[in-house]
Protein backbone atom coordinates (compact mmCIF):
# COMPACT_ATOMS: atom_id res chain seq x y z
CA MET A 1 -20.06 -2.87 12.86
CA LYS A 2 -23.37 -1.53 11.67
CA PRO A 3 -25.24 -4.39 9.36
CA GLU A 4 -25.05 -1.45 6.73
CA ASN A 5 -21.27 -1.02 7.09
CA LEU A 6 -20.40 -4.98 7.12
CA ALA A 7 -22.24 -5.60 4.08
CA ALA A 8 -20.38 -2.41 2.37
CA GLN A 9 -17.18 -3.91 3.72
CA ILE A 10 -18.07 -7.19 2.07
CA GLU A 11 -18.65 -5.23 -1.34
CA ILE A 12 -15.05 -3.61 -1.27
CA ASP A 13 -13.56 -7.17 0.06
CA ARG A 14 -14.87 -9.03 -3.05
CA PHE A 15 -13.65 -6.35 -5.52
CA LEU A 16 -10.32 -5.77 -4.10
CA ASP A 17 -9.82 -9.93 -4.47
CA MET A 18 -10.60 -9.24 -7.92
CA VAL A 19 -8.41 -6.90 -9.42
CA SER A 20 -4.93 -7.30 -10.00
CA GLU A 21 -3.22 -4.11 -9.34
CA VAL A 22 -1.79 -3.49 -5.83
CA PHE A 23 -3.43 -0.43 -4.17
CA PHE A 24 -3.61 0.83 -0.81
CA SER A 25 -5.14 3.91 1.16
CA PHE A 26 -3.27 5.21 4.37
CA ASP A 27 -4.23 7.79 6.36
CA TYR A 28 -1.87 9.83 7.37
CA SER A 29 -3.70 11.71 10.28
CA ASN A 30 -3.18 8.39 12.60
CA PRO A 31 -0.41 6.66 10.68
CA GLU A 32 -1.92 3.21 9.17
CA PHE A 33 -3.10 1.28 6.35
CA LEU A 34 -7.11 1.52 5.86
CA THR A 35 -6.95 -0.36 2.93
CA VAL A 36 -4.35 -2.99 0.86
CA SER A 37 -5.65 -5.20 -1.93
CA PRO A 38 -4.42 -8.95 -1.70
CA SER A 39 -2.74 -8.68 -5.23
CA CYS A 40 0.40 -7.70 -3.26
CA TYR A 41 1.11 -11.01 -2.14
CA LYS A 42 1.69 -11.49 -5.88
CA VAL A 43 4.06 -8.14 -6.04
CA PHE A 44 5.71 -8.08 -3.16
CA GLY A 45 5.45 -11.50 -1.37
CA TYR A 46 3.44 -9.82 1.22
CA THR A 47 0.29 -10.36 2.33
CA ALA A 48 -1.88 -7.23 2.57
CA GLU A 49 -2.74 -8.24 6.66
CA GLU A 50 1.43 -7.89 6.59
CA ILE A 51 2.12 -4.80 5.08
CA ALA A 52 -1.35 -3.08 7.00
CA ARG A 53 0.03 -4.66 10.29
CA VAL A 54 4.08 -4.94 10.37
CA PRO A 55 4.95 -0.83 11.61
CA GLY A 56 7.44 0.30 8.76
CA LEU A 57 7.35 -2.43 6.44
CA TRP A 58 5.63 -0.22 3.53
CA HIS A 59 9.08 1.56 3.98
CA LYS A 60 11.54 -0.76 4.15
CA MET A 61 10.77 -2.22 1.20
CA ILE A 62 11.30 0.92 -0.69
CA HIS A 63 14.89 0.49 -2.32
CA ALA A 64 17.80 2.48 -0.55
CA ASP A 65 18.53 4.75 -3.80
CA ASP A 66 14.69 5.58 -3.84
CA VAL A 67 13.79 6.05 -0.22
CA GLU A 68 14.52 9.91 -0.75
CA LYS A 69 12.85 10.96 -3.96
CA THR A 70 9.79 8.48 -3.05
CA ARG A 71 9.08 10.23 0.62
CA ALA A 72 9.67 13.79 -1.11
CA TYR A 73 6.94 12.87 -4.04
CA MET A 74 4.90 11.65 -1.11
CA ARG A 75 5.39 14.36 0.86
CA GLU A 76 4.49 17.01 -2.12
CA LYS A 77 1.05 15.50 -2.90
CA LEU A 78 0.28 14.79 0.64
CA ILE A 79 0.75 18.68 0.42
CA LEU A 80 -1.12 19.40 -2.66
CA GLY A 81 -4.13 16.69 -1.32
CA GLU A 82 -3.48 14.95 -4.93
CA ASP A 83 -3.29 11.68 -5.49
CA ALA A 84 0.09 10.15 -5.24
CA PHE A 85 1.16 7.62 -8.06
CA PRO A 86 5.37 7.74 -7.58
CA VAL A 87 7.47 5.03 -9.76
CA TYR A 88 10.29 3.70 -7.96
CA ARG A 89 11.58 -0.04 -6.53
CA VAL A 90 10.93 -2.21 -3.58
CA ILE A 91 12.91 -5.23 -2.43
CA THR A 92 10.57 -8.10 -2.17
CA LYS A 93 10.02 -10.86 0.65
CA SER A 94 12.34 -13.09 -1.64
CA GLY A 95 15.02 -10.35 -1.92
CA GLN A 96 14.19 -9.75 -5.60
CA VAL A 97 14.20 -6.03 -6.93
CA ARG A 98 11.37 -4.67 -8.69
CA TRP A 99 9.99 -1.51 -10.09
CA ILE A 100 6.45 -0.31 -9.09
């Protein structure tokens, strides 16, 4: 990584460590998470690394009753090129159901 890119990444990482909200960026053209905020551990019980590296984990966390609705919403937003802020339930690592 180039020094200027490394410096930028350090700044991004520092910012992500300070926020309490969970957010991520995902590359749909090459299905992978680009960024996952560390605060996801507090909400989901999974580390950012687990969410980013375990294939399909994010989709497996979505409550079964919300999967189709959430996928349809995300597809629509993707087609329109808009940011997505879906509301749905997840199952945390400990088995707790949470709305996000």
